[in-house]
PDB file of N, CA and C in Angstrom:
ATOM      1  N   UNK A   1     -16.339   6.059 -17.150  1.00  0.00           N
ATOM      2  CA  UNK A   1     -15.790   6.159 -15.814  1.00  0.00           C
ATOM      3  C   UNK A   1     -16.358   5.065 -14.922  1.00  0.00           C
ATOM      4  N   UNK A   2     -17.645   4.851 -15.015  1.00  0.00           N
ATOM      5  CA  UNK A   2     -18.302   3.840 -14.202  1.00  0.00           C
ATOM      6  C   UNK A   2     -17.831   2.438 -14.584  1.00  0.00           C
ATOM      7  N   UNK A   3     -17.602   2.226 -15.886  1.00  0.00           N
ATOM      8  CA  UNK A   3     -17.110   0.919 -16.336  1.00  0.00           C
ATOM      9  C   UNK A   3     -15.715   0.653 -15.786  1.00  0.00           C
ATOM     10  N   UNK A   4     -14.888   1.682 -15.735  1.00  0.00           N
ATOM     11  CA  UNK A   4     -13.533   1.543 -15.200  1.00  0.00           C
ATOM     12  C   UNK A   4     -13.585   1.150 -13.724  1.00  0.00           C
ATOM     13  N   UNK A   5     -14.475   1.751 -12.963  1.00  0.00           N
ATOM     14  CA  UNK A   5     -14.629   1.406 -11.553  1.00  0.00           C
ATOM     15  C   UNK A   5     -15.116  -0.031 -11.392  1.00  0.00           C
ATOM     16  N   UNK A   6     -16.037  -0.448 -12.261  1.00  0.00           N
ATOM     17  CA  UNK A   6     -16.558  -1.810 -12.192  1.00  0.00           C
ATOM     18  C   UNK A   6     -15.468  -2.832 -12.486  1.00  0.00           C
ATOM     19  N   UNK A   7     -14.601  -2.526 -13.428  1.00  0.00           N
ATOM     20  CA  UNK A   7     -13.492  -3.419 -13.753  1.00  0.00           C
ATOM     21  C   UNK A   7     -12.548  -3.525 -12.561  1.00  0.00           C
ATOM     22  N   UNK A   8     -12.245  -2.407 -11.923  1.00  0.00           N
ATOM     23  CA  UNK A   8     -11.369  -2.412 -10.757  1.00  0.00           C
ATOM     24  C   UNK A   8     -11.935  -3.236  -9.612  1.00  0.00           C
ATOM     25  N   UNK A   9     -13.229  -3.107  -9.358  1.00  0.00           N
ATOM     26  CA  UNK A   9     -13.871  -3.861  -8.283  1.00  0.00           C
ATOM     27  C   UNK A   9     -13.865  -5.349  -8.605  1.00  0.00           C
ATOM     28  N   UNK A  10     -14.150  -5.697  -9.848  1.00  0.00           N
ATOM     29  CA  UNK A  10     -14.156  -7.126 -10.198  1.00  0.00           C
ATOM     30  C   UNK A  10     -12.761  -7.726 -10.096  1.00  0.00           C
ATOM     31  N   UNK A  11     -11.722  -6.955 -10.422  1.00  0.00           N
ATOM     32  CA  UNK A  11     -10.359  -7.452 -10.288  1.00  0.00           C
ATOM     33  C   UNK A  11     -10.009  -7.684  -8.820  1.00  0.00           C
ATOM     34  N   UNK A  12     -10.494  -6.841  -7.931  1.00  0.00           N
ATOM     35  CA  UNK A  12     -10.255  -7.036  -6.500  1.00  0.00           C
ATOM     36  C   UNK A  12     -10.875  -8.335  -6.006  1.00  0.00           C
ATOM     37  N   UNK A  13     -12.081  -8.624  -6.446  1.00  0.00           N
ATOM     38  CA  UNK A  13     -12.754  -9.832  -5.990  1.00  0.00           C
ATOM     39  C   UNK A  13     -12.194 -11.094  -6.634  1.00  0.00           C
ATOM     40  N   UNK A  14     -11.548 -10.973  -7.779  1.00  0.00           N
ATOM     41  CA  UNK A  14     -10.984 -12.137  -8.439  1.00  0.00           C
ATOM     42  C   UNK A  14      -9.663 -12.569  -7.820  1.00  0.00           C
ATOM     43  N   UNK A  15      -8.997 -11.680  -7.103  1.00  0.00           N
ATOM     44  CA  UNK A  15      -7.734 -12.037  -6.453  1.00  0.00           C
ATOM     45  C   UNK A  15      -7.968 -13.120  -5.424  1.00  0.00           C
ATOM     46  N   UNK A  16      -7.097 -14.078  -5.451  1.00  0.00           N
ATOM     47  CA  UNK A  16      -7.186 -15.138  -4.450  1.00  0.00           C
ATOM     48  C   UNK A  16      -6.184 -14.829  -3.366  1.00  0.00           C
ATOM     49  N   UNK A  17      -6.669 -14.581  -2.180  1.00  0.00           N
ATOM     50  CA  UNK A  17      -5.805 -14.285  -1.049  1.00  0.00           C
ATOM     51  C   UNK A  17      -5.891 -15.407  -0.039  1.00  0.00           C
ATOM     52  N   UNK A  18      -4.760 -15.762   0.461  1.00  0.00           N
ATOM     53  CA  UNK A  18      -4.721 -16.790   1.485  1.00  0.00           C
ATOM     54  C   UNK A  18      -5.129 -16.155   2.804  1.00  0.00           C
ATOM     55  N   UNK A  19      -6.143 -16.706   3.418  1.00  0.00           N
ATOM     56  CA  UNK A  19      -6.594 -16.200   4.705  1.00  0.00           C
ATOM     57  C   UNK A  19      -5.735 -16.787   5.809  1.00  0.00           C
ATOM     58  N   UNK A  20      -5.396 -15.970   6.793  1.00  0.00           N
ATOM     59  CA  UNK A  20      -4.596 -16.499   7.901  1.00  0.00           C
ATOM     60  C   UNK A  20      -5.406 -17.488   8.734  1.00  0.00           C
ATOM     61  N   UNK A  21      -4.722 -18.479   9.268  1.00  0.00           N
ATOM     62  CA  UNK A  21      -5.380 -19.454  10.136  1.00  0.00           C
ATOM     63  C   UNK A  21      -5.794 -18.766  11.429  1.00  0.00           C
ATOM     64  N   UNK A  22      -6.639 -19.423  12.182  1.00  0.00           N
ATOM     65  CA  UNK A  22      -7.120 -18.855  13.448  1.00  0.00           C
ATOM     66  C   UNK A  22      -5.945 -18.553  14.371  1.00  0.00           C
ATOM     67  N   UNK A  23      -5.895 -17.349  14.887  1.00  0.00           N
ATOM     68  CA  UNK A  23      -4.830 -16.942  15.797  1.00  0.00           C
ATOM     69  C   UNK A  23      -3.624 -16.328  15.107  1.00  0.00           C
ATOM     70  N   UNK A  24      -3.538 -16.408  13.793  1.00  0.00           N
ATOM     71  CA  UNK A  24      -2.413 -15.812  13.053  1.00  0.00           C
ATOM     72  C   UNK A  24      -2.740 -14.382  12.676  1.00  0.00           C
ATOM     73  N   UNK A  25      -1.706 -13.562  12.600  1.00  0.00           N
ATOM     74  CA  UNK A  25      -1.866 -12.185  12.146  1.00  0.00           C
ATOM     75  C   UNK A  25      -1.846 -12.162  10.620  1.00  0.00           C
ATOM     76  N   UNK A  26      -2.695 -11.354   9.968  1.00  0.00           N
ATOM     77  CA  UNK A  26      -2.626 -11.260   8.512  1.00  0.00           C
ATOM     78  C   UNK A  26      -1.316 -10.593   8.091  1.00  0.00           C
ATOM     79  N   UNK A  27      -0.801 -10.982   6.942  1.00  0.00           N
ATOM     80  CA  UNK A  27       0.445 -10.402   6.430  1.00  0.00           C
ATOM     81  C   UNK A  27       0.195  -8.943   6.063  1.00  0.00           C
ATOM     82  N   UNK A  28       1.111  -8.039   6.417  1.00  0.00           N
ATOM     83  CA  UNK A  28       0.920  -6.628   6.054  1.00  0.00           C
ATOM     84  C   UNK A  28       1.000  -6.452   4.544  1.00  0.00           C
ATOM     85  N   UNK A  29       0.278  -5.488   4.035  1.00  0.00           N
ATOM     86  CA  UNK A  29       0.295  -5.207   2.596  1.00  0.00           C
ATOM     87  C   UNK A  29       0.314  -3.704   2.365  1.00  0.00           C
ATOM     88  N   UNK A  30       0.801  -3.318   1.218  1.00  0.00           N
ATOM     89  CA  UNK A  30       0.891  -1.913   0.838  1.00  0.00           C
ATOM     90  C   UNK A  30      -0.524  -1.334   0.700  1.00  0.00           C
ATOM     91  N   UNK A  31      -0.826  -0.165   1.299  1.00  0.00           N
ATOM     92  CA  UNK A  31      -2.165   0.408   1.195  1.00  0.00           C
ATOM     93  C   UNK A  31      -2.471   1.009  -0.172  1.00  0.00           C
ATOM     94  N   UNK A  32      -1.469   1.139  -1.039  1.00  0.00           N
ATOM     95  CA  UNK A  32      -1.706   1.700  -2.367  1.00  0.00           C
ATOM     96  C   UNK A  32      -2.066   0.591  -3.346  1.00  0.00           C
ATOM     97  N   UNK A  33      -1.174  -0.407  -3.510  1.00  0.00           N
ATOM     98  CA  UNK A  33      -1.426  -1.478  -4.481  1.00  0.00           C
ATOM     99  C   UNK A  33      -2.134  -2.671  -3.856  1.00  0.00           C
ATOM    100  N   UNK A  34      -2.131  -2.760  -2.524  1.00  0.00           N
ATOM    101  CA  UNK A  34      -2.766  -3.829  -1.779  1.00  0.00           C
ATOM    102  C   UNK A  34      -2.279  -5.212  -2.214  1.00  0.00           C
ATOM    103  N   UNK A  35      -0.995  -5.288  -2.572  1.00  0.00           N
ATOM    104  CA  UNK A  35      -0.476  -6.552  -3.062  1.00  0.00           C
ATOM    105  C   UNK A  35       0.866  -6.902  -2.436  1.00  0.00           C
ATOM    106  N   UNK A  36       1.824  -6.013  -2.550  1.00  0.00           N
ATOM    107  CA  UNK A  36       3.190  -6.289  -2.101  1.00  0.00           C
ATOM    108  C   UNK A  36       3.357  -5.957  -0.618  1.00  0.00           C
ATOM    109  N   UNK A  37       4.293  -6.613   0.041  1.00  0.00           N
ATOM    110  CA  UNK A  37       4.551  -6.281   1.445  1.00  0.00           C
ATOM    111  C   UNK A  37       5.272  -4.941   1.560  1.00  0.00           C
ATOM    112  N   UNK A  38       4.958  -4.148   2.564  1.00  0.00           N
ATOM    113  CA  UNK A  38       5.604  -2.843   2.723  1.00  0.00           C
ATOM    114  C   UNK A  38       7.055  -2.978   3.165  1.00  0.00           C
ATOM    115  N   UNK A  39       7.899  -2.101   2.612  1.00  0.00           N
ATOM    116  CA  UNK A  39       9.317  -2.101   2.995  1.00  0.00           C
ATOM    117  C   UNK A  39       9.885  -0.685   3.062  1.00  0.00           C
ATOM    118  N   UNK A  40       9.056   0.333   2.830  1.00  0.00           N
ATOM    119  CA  UNK A  40       9.486   1.723   2.880  1.00  0.00           C
ATOM    120  C   UNK A  40       8.524   2.495   3.784  1.00  0.00           C
ATOM    121  N   UNK A  41       9.078   3.373   4.628  1.00  0.00           N
ATOM    122  CA  UNK A  41       8.263   4.158   5.551  1.00  0.00           C
ATOM    123  C   UNK A  41       8.391   5.644   5.242  1.00  0.00           C
ATOM    124  N   UNK A  42       7.268   6.339   5.248  1.00  0.00           N
ATOM    125  CA  UNK A  42       7.249   7.787   5.060  1.00  0.00           C
ATOM    126  C   UNK A  42       7.507   8.456   6.405  1.00  0.00           C
ATOM    127  N   UNK A  43       7.769   9.748   6.397  1.00  0.00           N
ATOM    128  CA  UNK A  43       8.059  10.473   7.643  1.00  0.00           C
ATOM    129  C   UNK A  43       6.859  10.497   8.585  1.00  0.00           C
ATOM    130  N   UNK A  44       5.654  10.298   8.055  1.00  0.00           N
ATOM    131  CA  UNK A  44       4.461  10.267   8.904  1.00  0.00           C
ATOM    132  C   UNK A  44       4.261   8.908   9.561  1.00  0.00           C
ATOM    133  N   UNK A  45       5.017   7.890   9.108  1.00  0.00           N
ATOM    134  CA  UNK A  45       4.923   6.567   9.701  1.00  0.00           C
ATOM    135  C   UNK A  45       4.182   5.547   8.864  1.00  0.00           C
ATOM    136  N   UNK A  46       3.504   5.974   7.811  1.00  0.00           N
ATOM    137  CA  UNK A  46       2.801   5.022   6.959  1.00  0.00           C
ATOM    138  C   UNK A  46       3.806   4.296   6.064  1.00  0.00           C
ATOM    139  N   UNK A  47       3.519   3.033   5.754  1.00  0.00           N
ATOM    140  CA  UNK A  47       4.464   2.193   5.022  1.00  0.00           C
ATOM    141  C   UNK A  47       3.905   1.786   3.663  1.00  0.00           C
ATOM    142  N   UNK A  48       4.826   1.618   2.701  1.00  0.00           N
ATOM    143  CA  UNK A  48       4.475   1.282   1.325  1.00  0.00           C
ATOM    144  C   UNK A  48       5.474   0.280   0.773  1.00  0.00           C
ATOM    145  N   UNK A  49       5.102  -0.406  -0.305  1.00  0.00           N
ATOM    146  CA  UNK A  49       6.046  -1.296  -0.978  1.00  0.00           C
ATOM    147  C   UNK A  49       7.036  -0.432  -1.768  1.00  0.00           C
ATOM    148  N   UNK A  50       8.115  -1.037  -2.213  1.00  0.00           N
ATOM    149  CA  UNK A  50       9.167  -0.290  -2.914  1.00  0.00           C
ATOM    150  C   UNK A  50       8.643   0.347  -4.197  1.00  0.00           C
ATOM    151  N   UNK A  51       7.801  -0.358  -4.920  1.00  0.00           N
ATOM    152  CA  UNK A  51       7.262   0.177  -6.180  1.00  0.00           C
ATOM    153  C   UNK A  51       6.393   1.398  -5.965  1.00  0.00           C
ATOM    154  N   UNK A  52       5.501   1.342  -5.001  1.00  0.00           N
ATOM    155  CA  UNK A  52       4.600   2.471  -4.739  1.00  0.00           C
ATOM    156  C   UNK A  52       5.330   3.630  -4.076  1.00  0.00           C
ATOM    157  N   UNK A  53       6.371   3.345  -3.297  1.00  0.00           N
ATOM    158  CA  UNK A  53       7.122   4.401  -2.617  1.00  0.00           C
ATOM    159  C   UNK A  53       7.871   5.285  -3.596  1.00  0.00           C
ATOM    160  N   UNK A  54       8.115   4.792  -4.816  1.00  0.00           N
ATOM    161  CA  UNK A  54       8.817   5.579  -5.830  1.00  0.00           C
ATOM    162  C   UNK A  54       7.886   6.419  -6.688  1.00  0.00           C
ATOM    163  N   UNK A  55       6.587   6.234  -6.558  1.00  0.00           N
ATOM    164  CA  UNK A  55       5.628   6.988  -7.365  1.00  0.00           C
ATOM    165  C   UNK A  55       5.647   8.455  -6.960  1.00  0.00           C
ATOM    166  N   UNK A  56       5.631   9.374  -7.930  1.00  0.00           N
ATOM    167  CA  UNK A  56       5.694  10.811  -7.621  1.00  0.00           C
ATOM    168  C   UNK A  56       4.567  11.288  -6.713  1.00  0.00           C
ATOM    169  N   UNK A  57       3.362  10.757  -6.900  1.00  0.00           N
ATOM    170  CA  UNK A  57       2.241  11.219  -6.066  1.00  0.00           C
ATOM    171  C   UNK A  57       2.405  10.785  -4.615  1.00  0.00           C
ATOM    172  N   UNK A  58       3.061   9.663  -4.357  1.00  0.00           N
ATOM    173  CA  UNK A  58       3.321   9.223  -2.985  1.00  0.00           C
ATOM    174  C   UNK A  58       4.452  10.042  -2.375  1.00  0.00           C
ATOM    175  N   UNK A  59       5.445  10.395  -3.184  1.00  0.00           N
ATOM    176  CA  UNK A  59       6.565  11.196  -2.696  1.00  0.00           C
ATOM    177  C   UNK A  59       6.154  12.625  -2.357  1.00  0.00           C
ATOM    178  N   UNK A  60       5.105  13.136  -3.007  1.00  0.00           N
ATOM    179  CA  UNK A  60       4.652  14.501  -2.770  1.00  0.00           C
ATOM    180  C   UNK A  60       3.669  14.605  -1.601  1.00  0.00           C
ATOM    181  N   UNK A  61       2.853  13.555  -1.419  1.00  0.00           N
ATOM    182  CA  UNK A  61       1.817  13.597  -0.380  1.00  0.00           C
ATOM    183  C   UNK A  61       1.454  12.173   0.013  1.00  0.00           C
ATOM    184  N   UNK A  62       1.413  11.899   1.299  1.00  0.00           N
ATOM    185  CA  UNK A  62       1.047  10.566   1.794  1.00  0.00           C
ATOM    186  C   UNK A  62      -0.401  10.271   1.401  1.00  0.00           C
ATOM    187  N   UNK A  63      -0.660   9.170   0.693  1.00  0.00           N
ATOM    188  CA  UNK A  63      -2.031   8.860   0.289  1.00  0.00           C
ATOM    189  C   UNK A  63      -2.949   8.490   1.454  1.00  0.00           C
ATOM    190  N   UNK A  64      -2.386   8.139   2.596  1.00  0.00           N
ATOM    191  CA  UNK A  64      -3.208   7.727   3.729  1.00  0.00           C
ATOM    192  C   UNK A  64      -3.641   8.931   4.558  1.00  0.00           C
ATOM    193  N   UNK A  65      -2.682   9.757   4.994  1.00  0.00           N
ATOM    194  CA  UNK A  65      -3.015  10.878   5.881  1.00  0.00           C
ATOM    195  C   UNK A  65      -2.943  12.242   5.189  1.00  0.00           C
ATOM    196  N   UNK A  66      -2.486  12.266   3.945  1.00  0.00           N
ATOM    197  CA  UNK A  66      -2.399  13.491   3.125  1.00  0.00           C
ATOM    198  C   UNK A  66      -1.365  14.499   3.631  1.00  0.00           C
ATOM    199  N   UNK A  67      -0.433  14.053   4.487  1.00  0.00           N
ATOM    200  CA  UNK A  67       0.619  14.962   4.943  1.00  0.00           C
ATOM    201  C   UNK A  67       1.738  15.025   3.920  1.00  0.00           C
ATOM    202  N   UNK A  68       2.387  16.168   3.877  1.00  0.00           N
ATOM    203  CA  UNK A  68       3.541  16.350   2.993  1.00  0.00           C
ATOM    204  C   UNK A  68       4.758  15.753   3.703  1.00  0.00           C
ATOM    205  N   UNK A  69       5.544  14.909   3.022  1.00  0.00           N
ATOM    206  CA  UNK A  69       6.710  14.285   3.675  1.00  0.00           C
ATOM    207  C   UNK A  69       7.746  15.324   4.102  1.00  0.00           C
ATOM    208  N   UNK A  70       8.302  15.114   5.274  1.00  0.00           N
ATOM    209  CA  UNK A  70       9.325  16.019   5.792  1.00  0.00           C
ATOM    210  C   UNK A  70      10.716  15.595   5.354  1.00  0.00           C
ATOM    211  N   UNK A  71      10.872  14.301   4.994  1.00  0.00           N
ATOM    212  CA  UNK A  71      12.184  13.789   4.550  1.00  0.00           C
ATOM    213  C   UNK A  71      11.939  12.611   3.622  1.00  0.00           C
ATOM    214  N   UNK A  72      13.020  12.044   3.125  1.00  0.00           N
ATOM    215  CA  UNK A  72      12.932  10.937   2.175  1.00  0.00           C
ATOM    216  C   UNK A  72      12.388   9.674   2.847  1.00  0.00           C
ATOM    217  N   UNK A  73      11.906   8.762   2.037  1.00  0.00           N
ATOM    218  CA  UNK A  73      11.437   7.473   2.530  1.00  0.00           C
ATOM    219  C   UNK A  73      12.589   6.694   3.141  1.00  0.00           C
ATOM    220  N   UNK A  74      12.277   5.919   4.159  1.00  0.00           N
ATOM    221  CA  UNK A  74      13.270   5.081   4.817  1.00  0.00           C
ATOM    222  C   UNK A  74      12.959   3.614   4.564  1.00  0.00           C
ATOM    223  N   UNK A  75      13.989   2.821   4.268  1.00  0.00           N
ATOM    224  CA  UNK A  75      13.781   1.380   4.082  1.00  0.00           C
ATOM    225  C   UNK A  75      13.644   0.744   5.458  1.00  0.00           C
ATOM    226  N   UNK A  76      12.644  -0.123   5.587  1.00  0.00           N
ATOM    227  CA  UNK A  76      12.425  -0.833   6.848  1.00  0.00           C
ATOM    228  C   UNK A  76      12.629  -2.328   6.616  1.00  0.00           C
ATOM    229  N   UNK A  77      13.026  -3.024   7.633  1.00  0.00           N
ATOM    230  CA  UNK A  77      13.230  -4.464   7.573  1.00  0.00           C
ATOM    231  C   UNK A  77      12.335  -5.091   8.623  1.00  0.00           C
ATOM    232  N   UNK A  78      11.370  -5.850   8.174  1.00  0.00           N
ATOM    233  CA  UNK A  78      10.404  -6.460   9.085  1.00  0.00           C
ATOM    234  C   UNK A  78      10.650  -7.940   9.168  1.00  0.00           C
TER     235      UNK A  78
END
């Protein structure tokens, strides 16, 4: 279990992310995979990428606030 966590942490640090220039806002990212831009919104207002929004655990309970969704995910255009 500990080795699995260590692998996950090392993969996070190996990702190369472009840092925004001074005065720029960072690009939004999905709070589940932390990679893709969000395009789906839950009824609680939290946003996810299309891939994570289809996961059964996200559809049953919001991973951020733990609320049960009141309706289906909505596609957002940013």
